[in-house]
PDB file of N, CA and C in Angstrom:
ATOM      1  N   UNK A   1     -12.151  14.874 -19.168  1.00  0.00           N
ATOM      2  CA  UNK A   1     -10.855  15.469 -18.872  1.00  0.00           C
ATOM      3  C   UNK A   1     -10.007  14.469 -18.096  1.00  0.00           C
ATOM      4  N   UNK A   2      -8.746  14.482 -18.364  1.00  0.00           N
ATOM      5  CA  UNK A   2      -7.917  13.573 -17.665  1.00  0.00           C
ATOM      6  C   UNK A   2      -6.531  14.254 -17.409  1.00  0.00           C
ATOM      7  N   UNK A   3      -5.861  13.784 -16.402  1.00  0.00           N
ATOM      8  CA  UNK A   3      -4.496  14.322 -16.105  1.00  0.00           C
ATOM      9  C   UNK A   3      -3.539  13.157 -15.895  1.00  0.00           C
ATOM     10  N   UNK A   4      -2.323  13.403 -16.169  1.00  0.00           N
ATOM     11  CA  UNK A   4      -1.294  12.376 -16.074  1.00  0.00           C
ATOM     12  C   UNK A   4      -0.117  12.891 -15.306  1.00  0.00           C
ATOM     13  N   UNK A   5       0.401  12.077 -14.445  1.00  0.00           N
ATOM     14  CA  UNK A   5       1.622  12.431 -13.714  1.00  0.00           C
ATOM     15  C   UNK A   5       2.461  11.205 -13.638  1.00  0.00           C
ATOM     16  N   UNK A   6       3.698  11.297 -14.113  1.00  0.00           N
ATOM     17  CA  UNK A   6       4.625  10.186 -14.040  1.00  0.00           C
ATOM     18  C   UNK A   6       5.006  10.017 -12.572  1.00  0.00           C
ATOM     19  N   UNK A   7       5.116   8.768 -12.171  1.00  0.00           N
ATOM     20  CA  UNK A   7       5.507   8.421 -10.775  1.00  0.00           C
ATOM     21  C   UNK A   7       6.893   8.996 -10.535  1.00  0.00           C
ATOM     22  N   UNK A   8       7.019   9.650  -9.412  1.00  0.00           N
ATOM     23  CA  UNK A   8       8.367  10.225  -9.134  1.00  0.00           C
ATOM     24  C   UNK A   8       8.536  10.402  -7.636  1.00  0.00           C
ATOM     25  N   UNK A   9       9.696  10.572  -7.235  1.00  0.00           N
ATOM     26  CA  UNK A   9      10.035  10.879  -5.853  1.00  0.00           C
ATOM     27  C   UNK A   9      11.467  11.450  -5.850  1.00  0.00           C
ATOM     28  N   UNK A  10      11.855  11.949  -4.729  1.00  0.00           N
ATOM     29  CA  UNK A  10      13.201  12.418  -4.537  1.00  0.00           C
ATOM     30  C   UNK A  10      13.944  11.331  -3.780  1.00  0.00           C
ATOM     31  N   UNK A  11      14.878  10.704  -4.496  1.00  0.00           N
ATOM     32  CA  UNK A  11      15.677   9.665  -3.848  1.00  0.00           C
ATOM     33  C   UNK A  11      17.160  10.093  -3.916  1.00  0.00           C
ATOM     34  N   UNK A  12      17.470  11.228  -3.350  1.00  0.00           N
ATOM     35  CA  UNK A  12      18.777  11.795  -3.412  1.00  0.00           C
ATOM     36  C   UNK A  12      19.821  10.836  -2.887  1.00  0.00           C
ATOM     37  N   UNK A  13      19.473  10.016  -1.895  1.00  0.00           N
ATOM     38  CA  UNK A  13      20.451   9.061  -1.334  1.00  0.00           C
ATOM     39  C   UNK A  13      20.833   7.950  -2.316  1.00  0.00           C
ATOM     40  N   UNK A  14      20.024   7.781  -3.330  1.00  0.00           N
ATOM     41  CA  UNK A  14      20.300   6.688  -4.318  1.00  0.00           C
ATOM     42  C   UNK A  14      20.913   7.264  -5.616  1.00  0.00           C
ATOM     43  N   UNK A  15      21.103   8.526  -5.700  1.00  0.00           N
ATOM     44  CA  UNK A  15      21.670   9.148  -6.905  1.00  0.00           C
ATOM     45  C   UNK A  15      23.025   8.523  -7.259  1.00  0.00           C
ATOM     46  N   UNK A  16      23.127   8.082  -8.527  1.00  0.00           N
ATOM     47  CA  UNK A  16      24.396   7.572  -9.022  1.00  0.00           C
ATOM     48  C   UNK A  16      24.715   6.131  -8.612  1.00  0.00           C
ATOM     49  N   UNK A  17      23.833   5.441  -7.885  1.00  0.00           N
ATOM     50  CA  UNK A  17      24.070   4.079  -7.428  1.00  0.00           C
ATOM     51  C   UNK A  17      23.479   3.047  -8.376  1.00  0.00           C
ATOM     52  N   UNK A  18      22.673   3.420  -9.326  1.00  0.00           N
ATOM     53  CA  UNK A  18      22.037   2.435 -10.195  1.00  0.00           C
ATOM     54  C   UNK A  18      21.039   1.555  -9.541  1.00  0.00           C
ATOM     55  N   UNK A  19      20.393   2.034  -8.499  1.00  0.00           N
ATOM     56  CA  UNK A  19      19.517   1.250  -7.700  1.00  0.00           C
ATOM     57  C   UNK A  19      18.002   1.648  -7.800  1.00  0.00           C
ATOM     58  N   UNK A  20      17.752   2.595  -8.677  1.00  0.00           N
ATOM     59  CA  UNK A  20      16.403   3.129  -8.827  1.00  0.00           C
ATOM     60  C   UNK A  20      15.688   2.326  -9.872  1.00  0.00           C
ATOM     61  N   UNK A  21      14.460   1.873  -9.537  1.00  0.00           N
ATOM     62  CA  UNK A  21      13.597   1.053 -10.426  1.00  0.00           C
ATOM     63  C   UNK A  21      12.885   1.986 -11.410  1.00  0.00           C
ATOM     64  N   UNK A  22      13.229   1.933 -12.714  1.00  0.00           N
ATOM     65  CA  UNK A  22      12.604   2.819 -13.686  1.00  0.00           C
ATOM     66  C   UNK A  22      11.246   2.284 -14.263  1.00  0.00           C
ATOM     67  N   UNK A  23      10.775   1.200 -13.823  1.00  0.00           N
ATOM     68  CA  UNK A  23       9.639   0.566 -14.413  1.00  0.00           C
ATOM     69  C   UNK A  23       8.358   1.439 -14.375  1.00  0.00           C
ATOM     70  N   UNK A  24       8.049   1.995 -13.248  1.00  0.00           N
ATOM     71  CA  UNK A  24       6.795   2.807 -13.132  1.00  0.00           C
ATOM     72  C   UNK A  24       6.869   4.001 -14.097  1.00  0.00           C
ATOM     73  N   UNK A  25       7.991   4.645 -14.270  1.00  0.00           N
ATOM     74  CA  UNK A  25       8.112   5.744 -15.202  1.00  0.00           C
ATOM     75  C   UNK A  25       7.948   5.258 -16.581  1.00  0.00           C
ATOM     76  N   UNK A  26       8.585   4.125 -16.936  1.00  0.00           N
ATOM     77  CA  UNK A  26       8.478   3.609 -18.299  1.00  0.00           C
ATOM     78  C   UNK A  26       7.045   3.211 -18.624  1.00  0.00           C
ATOM     79  N   UNK A  27       6.429   2.570 -17.639  1.00  0.00           N
ATOM     80  CA  UNK A  27       5.010   2.181 -17.874  1.00  0.00           C
ATOM     81  C   UNK A  27       4.096   3.398 -18.071  1.00  0.00           C
ATOM     82  N   UNK A  28       4.313   4.427 -17.271  1.00  0.00           N
ATOM     83  CA  UNK A  28       3.488   5.616 -17.419  1.00  0.00           C
ATOM     84  C   UNK A  28       3.739   6.269 -18.778  1.00  0.00           C
ATOM     85  N   UNK A  29       4.961   6.370 -19.185  1.00  0.00           N
ATOM     86  CA  UNK A  29       5.314   6.993 -20.471  1.00  0.00           C
ATOM     87  C   UNK A  29       4.685   6.167 -21.638  1.00  0.00           C
ATOM     88  N   UNK A  30       4.739   4.845 -21.524  1.00  0.00           N
ATOM     89  CA  UNK A  30       4.101   3.992 -22.532  1.00  0.00           C
ATOM     90  C   UNK A  30       2.557   4.262 -22.632  1.00  0.00           C
ATOM     91  N   UNK A  31       1.942   4.373 -21.435  1.00  0.00           N
ATOM     92  CA  UNK A  31       0.530   4.605 -21.408  1.00  0.00           C
ATOM     93  C   UNK A  31       0.197   5.911 -22.018  1.00  0.00           C
ATOM     94  N   UNK A  32       0.940   6.961 -21.731  1.00  0.00           N
ATOM     95  CA  UNK A  32       0.684   8.267 -22.331  1.00  0.00           C
ATOM     96  C   UNK A  32       0.896   8.204 -23.832  1.00  0.00           C
ATOM     97  N   UNK A  33       1.962   7.592 -24.301  1.00  0.00           N
ATOM     98  CA  UNK A  33       2.272   7.437 -25.732  1.00  0.00           C
ATOM     99  C   UNK A  33       1.183   6.695 -26.406  1.00  0.00           C
ATOM    100  N   UNK A  34       0.644   5.688 -25.828  1.00  0.00           N
ATOM    101  CA  UNK A  34      -0.425   4.863 -26.456  1.00  0.00           C
ATOM    102  C   UNK A  34      -1.747   5.691 -26.489  1.00  0.00           C
ATOM    103  N   UNK A  35      -2.123   6.214 -25.408  1.00  0.00           N
ATOM    104  CA  UNK A  35      -3.452   6.852 -25.244  1.00  0.00           C
ATOM    105  C   UNK A  35      -3.490   8.169 -26.010  1.00  0.00           C
ATOM    106  N   UNK A  36      -2.417   8.936 -25.987  1.00  0.00           N
ATOM    107  CA  UNK A  36      -2.495  10.290 -26.567  1.00  0.00           C
ATOM    108  C   UNK A  36      -1.527  10.474 -27.718  1.00  0.00           C
ATOM    109  N   UNK A  37      -0.620   9.628 -27.907  1.00  0.00           N
ATOM    110  CA  UNK A  37       0.387   9.805 -28.997  1.00  0.00           C
ATOM    111  C   UNK A  37       0.120   8.904 -30.219  1.00  0.00           C
ATOM    112  N   UNK A  38      -0.869   8.038 -30.102  1.00  0.00           N
ATOM    113  CA  UNK A  38      -1.142   7.150 -31.210  1.00  0.00           C
ATOM    114  C   UNK A  38      -0.138   6.009 -31.343  1.00  0.00           C
ATOM    115  N   UNK A  39       0.584   5.733 -30.351  1.00  0.00           N
ATOM    116  CA  UNK A  39       1.578   4.615 -30.405  1.00  0.00           C
ATOM    117  C   UNK A  39       0.907   3.322 -29.958  1.00  0.00           C
ATOM    118  N   UNK A  40       0.061   2.815 -30.845  1.00  0.00           N
ATOM    119  CA  UNK A  40      -0.690   1.578 -30.515  1.00  0.00           C
ATOM    120  C   UNK A  40       0.197   0.440 -30.064  1.00  0.00           C
ATOM    121  N   UNK A  41      -0.132  -0.182 -28.979  1.00  0.00           N
ATOM    122  CA  UNK A  41       0.623  -1.346 -28.452  1.00  0.00           C
ATOM    123  C   UNK A  41       1.776  -0.991 -27.570  1.00  0.00           C
ATOM    124  N   UNK A  42       2.011   0.278 -27.286  1.00  0.00           N
ATOM    125  CA  UNK A  42       3.138   0.675 -26.429  1.00  0.00           C
ATOM    126  C   UNK A  42       3.099   0.040 -25.073  1.00  0.00           C
ATOM    127  N   UNK A  43       1.962  -0.038 -24.410  1.00  0.00           N
ATOM    128  CA  UNK A  43       1.855  -0.586 -23.094  1.00  0.00           C
ATOM    129  C   UNK A  43       2.211  -2.105 -23.190  1.00  0.00           C
ATOM    130  N   UNK A  44       1.649  -2.783 -24.109  1.00  0.00           N
ATOM    131  CA  UNK A  44       1.880  -4.259 -24.290  1.00  0.00           C
ATOM    132  C   UNK A  44       3.365  -4.538 -24.629  1.00  0.00           C
ATOM    133  N   UNK A  45       3.994  -3.698 -25.417  1.00  0.00           N
ATOM    134  CA  UNK A  45       5.373  -3.844 -25.754  1.00  0.00           C
ATOM    135  C   UNK A  45       6.326  -3.740 -24.464  1.00  0.00           C
ATOM    136  N   UNK A  46       6.003  -2.771 -23.644  1.00  0.00           N
ATOM    137  CA  UNK A  46       6.725  -2.675 -22.406  1.00  0.00           C
ATOM    138  C   UNK A  46       6.542  -3.932 -21.534  1.00  0.00           C
ATOM    139  N   UNK A  47       5.344  -4.333 -21.397  1.00  0.00           N
ATOM    140  CA  UNK A  47       5.078  -5.470 -20.516  1.00  0.00           C
ATOM    141  C   UNK A  47       5.749  -6.781 -21.118  1.00  0.00           C
ATOM    142  N   UNK A  48       5.671  -6.932 -22.462  1.00  0.00           N
ATOM    143  CA  UNK A  48       6.332  -8.068 -23.097  1.00  0.00           C
ATOM    144  C   UNK A  48       7.822  -8.018 -22.876  1.00  0.00           C
ATOM    145  N   UNK A  49       8.433  -6.813 -23.011  1.00  0.00           N
ATOM    146  CA  UNK A  49       9.850  -6.696 -22.867  1.00  0.00           C
ATOM    147  C   UNK A  49      10.270  -7.029 -21.436  1.00  0.00           C
ATOM    148  N   UNK A  50       9.520  -6.555 -20.464  1.00  0.00           N
ATOM    149  CA  UNK A  50       9.893  -6.904 -19.060  1.00  0.00           C
ATOM    150  C   UNK A  50       9.768  -8.392 -18.856  1.00  0.00           C
ATOM    151  N   UNK A  51       8.725  -9.014 -19.317  1.00  0.00           N
ATOM    152  CA  UNK A  51       8.540 -10.445 -19.094  1.00  0.00           C
ATOM    153  C   UNK A  51       9.622 -11.290 -19.840  1.00  0.00           C
ATOM    154  N   UNK A  52       9.883 -10.878 -21.073  1.00  0.00           N
ATOM    155  CA  UNK A  52      10.875 -11.702 -21.885  1.00  0.00           C
ATOM    156  C   UNK A  52      12.281 -11.524 -21.395  1.00  0.00           C
ATOM    157  N   UNK A  53      12.606 -10.385 -20.985  1.00  0.00           N
ATOM    158  CA  UNK A  53      13.981 -10.143 -20.504  1.00  0.00           C
ATOM    159  C   UNK A  53      14.193 -10.653 -19.077  1.00  0.00           C
ATOM    160  N   UNK A  54      13.142 -10.751 -18.277  1.00  0.00           N
ATOM    161  CA  UNK A  54      13.275 -11.250 -16.927  1.00  0.00           C
ATOM    162  C   UNK A  54      14.181 -10.366 -16.101  1.00  0.00           C
ATOM    163  N   UNK A  55      14.089  -9.064 -16.224  1.00  0.00           N
ATOM    164  CA  UNK A  55      14.908  -8.117 -15.498  1.00  0.00           C
ATOM    165  C   UNK A  55      14.144  -7.527 -14.347  1.00  0.00           C
ATOM    166  N   UNK A  56      14.876  -7.106 -13.342  1.00  0.00           N
ATOM    167  CA  UNK A  56      14.276  -6.495 -12.169  1.00  0.00           C
ATOM    168  C   UNK A  56      15.377  -5.902 -11.280  1.00  0.00           C
ATOM    169  N   UNK A  57      15.010  -4.820 -10.606  1.00  0.00           N
ATOM    170  CA  UNK A  57      15.962  -4.237  -9.660  1.00  0.00           C
ATOM    171  C   UNK A  57      15.886  -4.956  -8.334  1.00  0.00           C
ATOM    172  N   UNK A  58      16.872  -4.828  -7.446  1.00  0.00           N
ATOM    173  CA  UNK A  58      16.903  -5.506  -6.206  1.00  0.00           C
ATOM    174  C   UNK A  58      15.710  -5.260  -5.317  1.00  0.00           C
ATOM    175  N   UNK A  59      15.041  -4.104  -5.358  1.00  0.00           N
ATOM    176  CA  UNK A  59      13.876  -3.832  -4.571  1.00  0.00           C
ATOM    177  C   UNK A  59      12.706  -4.780  -4.856  1.00  0.00           C
ATOM    178  N   UNK A  60      12.689  -5.404  -5.997  1.00  0.00           N
ATOM    179  CA  UNK A  60      11.632  -6.309  -6.380  1.00  0.00           C
ATOM    180  C   UNK A  60      12.177  -7.763  -6.569  1.00  0.00           C
ATOM    181  N   UNK A  61      13.330  -8.029  -5.952  1.00  0.00           N
ATOM    182  CA  UNK A  61      13.934  -9.315  -6.011  1.00  0.00           C
ATOM    183  C   UNK A  61      14.813  -9.638  -7.176  1.00  0.00           C
ATOM    184  N   UNK A  62      15.107  -8.613  -7.990  1.00  0.00           N
ATOM    185  CA  UNK A  62      16.010  -8.771  -9.130  1.00  0.00           C
ATOM    186  C   UNK A  62      17.447  -8.486  -8.799  1.00  0.00           C
ATOM    187  N   UNK A  63      18.239  -8.502  -9.834  1.00  0.00           N
ATOM    188  CA  UNK A  63      19.652  -8.283  -9.586  1.00  0.00           C
ATOM    189  C   UNK A  63      20.259  -7.263 -10.602  1.00  0.00           C
ATOM    190  N   UNK A  64      19.393  -6.516 -11.253  1.00  0.00           N
ATOM    191  CA  UNK A  64      19.810  -5.615 -12.282  1.00  0.00           C
ATOM    192  C   UNK A  64      19.851  -4.153 -11.837  1.00  0.00           C
ATOM    193  N   UNK A  65      20.713  -3.385 -12.359  1.00  0.00           N
ATOM    194  CA  UNK A  65      20.823  -1.913 -12.097  1.00  0.00           C
ATOM    195  C   UNK A  65      19.801  -1.197 -12.931  1.00  0.00           C
ATOM    196  N   UNK A  66      19.665   0.051 -12.599  1.00  0.00           N
ATOM    197  CA  UNK A  66      18.807   0.965 -13.375  1.00  0.00           C
ATOM    198  C   UNK A  66      19.176   0.928 -14.858  1.00  0.00           C
ATOM    199  N   UNK A  67      20.430   1.107 -15.148  1.00  0.00           N
ATOM    200  CA  UNK A  67      20.935   1.110 -16.517  1.00  0.00           C
ATOM    201  C   UNK A  67      20.674  -0.181 -17.238  1.00  0.00           C
ATOM    202  N   UNK A  68      20.871  -1.300 -16.487  1.00  0.00           N
ATOM    203  CA  UNK A  68      20.613  -2.606 -17.161  1.00  0.00           C
ATOM    204  C   UNK A  68      19.150  -2.768 -17.501  1.00  0.00           C
ATOM    205  N   UNK A  69      18.262  -2.238 -16.648  1.00  0.00           N
ATOM    206  CA  UNK A  69      16.814  -2.300 -16.888  1.00  0.00           C
ATOM    207  C   UNK A  69      16.486  -1.516 -18.181  1.00  0.00           C
ATOM    208  N   UNK A  70      16.999  -0.294 -18.277  1.00  0.00           N
ATOM    209  CA  UNK A  70      16.728   0.531 -19.400  1.00  0.00           C
ATOM    210  C   UNK A  70      17.324  -0.123 -20.642  1.00  0.00           C
ATOM    211  N   UNK A  71      18.529  -0.623 -20.585  1.00  0.00           N
ATOM    212  CA  UNK A  71      19.174  -1.317 -21.726  1.00  0.00           C
ATOM    213  C   UNK A  71      18.332  -2.484 -22.217  1.00  0.00           C
ATOM    214  N   UNK A  72      17.817  -3.288 -21.255  1.00  0.00           N
ATOM    215  CA  UNK A  72      17.001  -4.419 -21.628  1.00  0.00           C
ATOM    216  C   UNK A  72      15.761  -4.030 -22.400  1.00  0.00           C
ATOM    217  N   UNK A  73      15.167  -2.930 -22.022  1.00  0.00           N
ATOM    218  CA  UNK A  73      13.972  -2.473 -22.697  1.00  0.00           C
ATOM    219  C   UNK A  73      14.284  -1.908 -24.062  1.00  0.00           C
ATOM    220  N   UNK A  74      15.386  -1.247 -24.176  1.00  0.00           N
ATOM    221  CA  UNK A  74      15.775  -0.678 -25.428  1.00  0.00           C
ATOM    222  C   UNK A  74      16.291  -1.700 -26.483  1.00  0.00           C
ATOM    223  N   UNK A  75      16.770  -2.798 -25.962  1.00  0.00           N
ATOM    224  CA  UNK A  75      17.354  -3.866 -26.831  1.00  0.00           C
ATOM    225  C   UNK A  75      16.291  -4.928 -27.158  1.00  0.00           C
ATOM    226  N   UNK A  76      15.126  -4.759 -26.785  1.00  0.00           N
ATOM    227  CA  UNK A  76      14.039  -5.766 -27.021  1.00  0.00           C
ATOM    228  C   UNK A  76      13.713  -5.795 -28.515  1.00  0.00           C
ATOM    229  N   UNK A  77      13.791  -6.978 -29.154  1.00  0.00           N
ATOM    230  CA  UNK A  77      13.374  -7.072 -30.574  1.00  0.00           C
ATOM    231  C   UNK A  77      12.029  -6.479 -30.779  1.00  0.00           C
ATOM    232  N   UNK A  78      11.911  -5.721 -31.866  1.00  0.00           N
ATOM    233  CA  UNK A  78      10.581  -5.189 -32.130  1.00  0.00           C
ATOM    234  C   UNK A  78      10.420  -3.783 -31.502  1.00  0.00           C
ATOM    235  N   UNK A  79      11.392  -3.317 -30.733  1.00  0.00           N
ATOM    236  CA  UNK A  79      11.238  -1.969 -30.148  1.00  0.00           C
ATOM    237  C   UNK A  79      11.349  -0.932 -31.243  1.00  0.00           C
ATOM    238  N   UNK A  80      10.590   0.113 -31.118  1.00  0.00           N
ATOM    239  CA  UNK A  80      10.688   1.110 -32.141  1.00  0.00           C
ATOM    240  C   UNK A  80      12.082   1.715 -32.195  1.00  0.00           C
ATOM    241  N   UNK A  81      12.512   2.081 -33.385  1.00  0.00           N
ATOM    242  CA  UNK A  81      13.861   2.703 -33.569  1.00  0.00           C
ATOM    243  C   UNK A  81      13.722   4.168 -33.351  1.00  0.00           C
ATOM    244  N   UNK A  82      14.853   4.786 -32.927  1.00  0.00           N
ATOM    245  CA  UNK A  82      14.783   6.228 -32.744  1.00  0.00           C
ATOM    246  C   UNK A  82      14.484   6.968 -34.037  1.00  0.00           C
ATOM    247  N   UNK A  83      13.830   8.095 -33.967  1.00  0.00           N
ATOM    248  CA  UNK A  83      13.522   8.868 -35.162  1.00  0.00           C
ATOM    249  C   UNK A  83      14.789   9.432 -35.761  1.00  0.00           C
ATOM    250  N   UNK A  84      15.785   9.728 -34.945  1.00  0.00           N
ATOM    251  CA  UNK A  84      17.040  10.323 -35.414  1.00  0.00           C
ATOM    252  C   UNK A  84      18.183   9.509 -34.854  1.00  0.00           C
ATOM    253  N   UNK A  85      19.236   9.399 -35.650  1.00  0.00           N
ATOM    254  CA  UNK A  85      20.422   8.691 -35.190  1.00  0.00           C
ATOM    255  C   UNK A  85      21.371   9.612 -34.501  1.00  0.00           C
ATOM    256  N   UNK A  86      21.317  10.923 -34.867  1.00  0.00           N
ATOM    257  CA  UNK A  86      22.265  11.884 -34.254  1.00  0.00           C
ATOM    258  C   UNK A  86      21.647  12.483 -33.072  1.00  0.00           C
ATOM    259  N   UNK A  87      22.455  12.850 -32.096  1.00  0.00           N
ATOM    260  CA  UNK A  87      21.902  13.492 -30.852  1.00  0.00           C
ATOM    261  C   UNK A  87      21.362  14.888 -31.176  1.00  0.00           C
ATOM    262  N   UNK A  88      20.371  15.272 -30.320  1.00  0.00           N
ATOM    263  CA  UNK A  88      19.803  16.610 -30.489  1.00  0.00           C
ATOM    264  C   UNK A  88      20.857  17.718 -30.289  1.00  0.00           C
ATOM    265  N   UNK A  89      20.666  18.852 -30.887  1.00  0.00           N
ATOM    266  CA  UNK A  89      21.670  19.922 -30.732  1.00  0.00           C
ATOM    267  C   UNK A  89      21.746  20.439 -29.278  1.00  0.00           C
TER     268      UNK A  89
END
């Protein structure tokens, strides 16, 4: 038996500033997708994307915002494409 919990905290003082590092959440989601969702290579893809893009938030010595981090991960060549092009209802 196993349990999973995405890393989280309440950072109300940082809301809307683009200064929250999303990497822990993205890594946890990739691990869950790989281990339980059959998305082989999801963890490696995230790690390669982070390394290739060279992005980081200021708390880890980088200069990128939360949105820029997410954009860099989504724009990585070889990233899976969304299942749907249209937004959910």
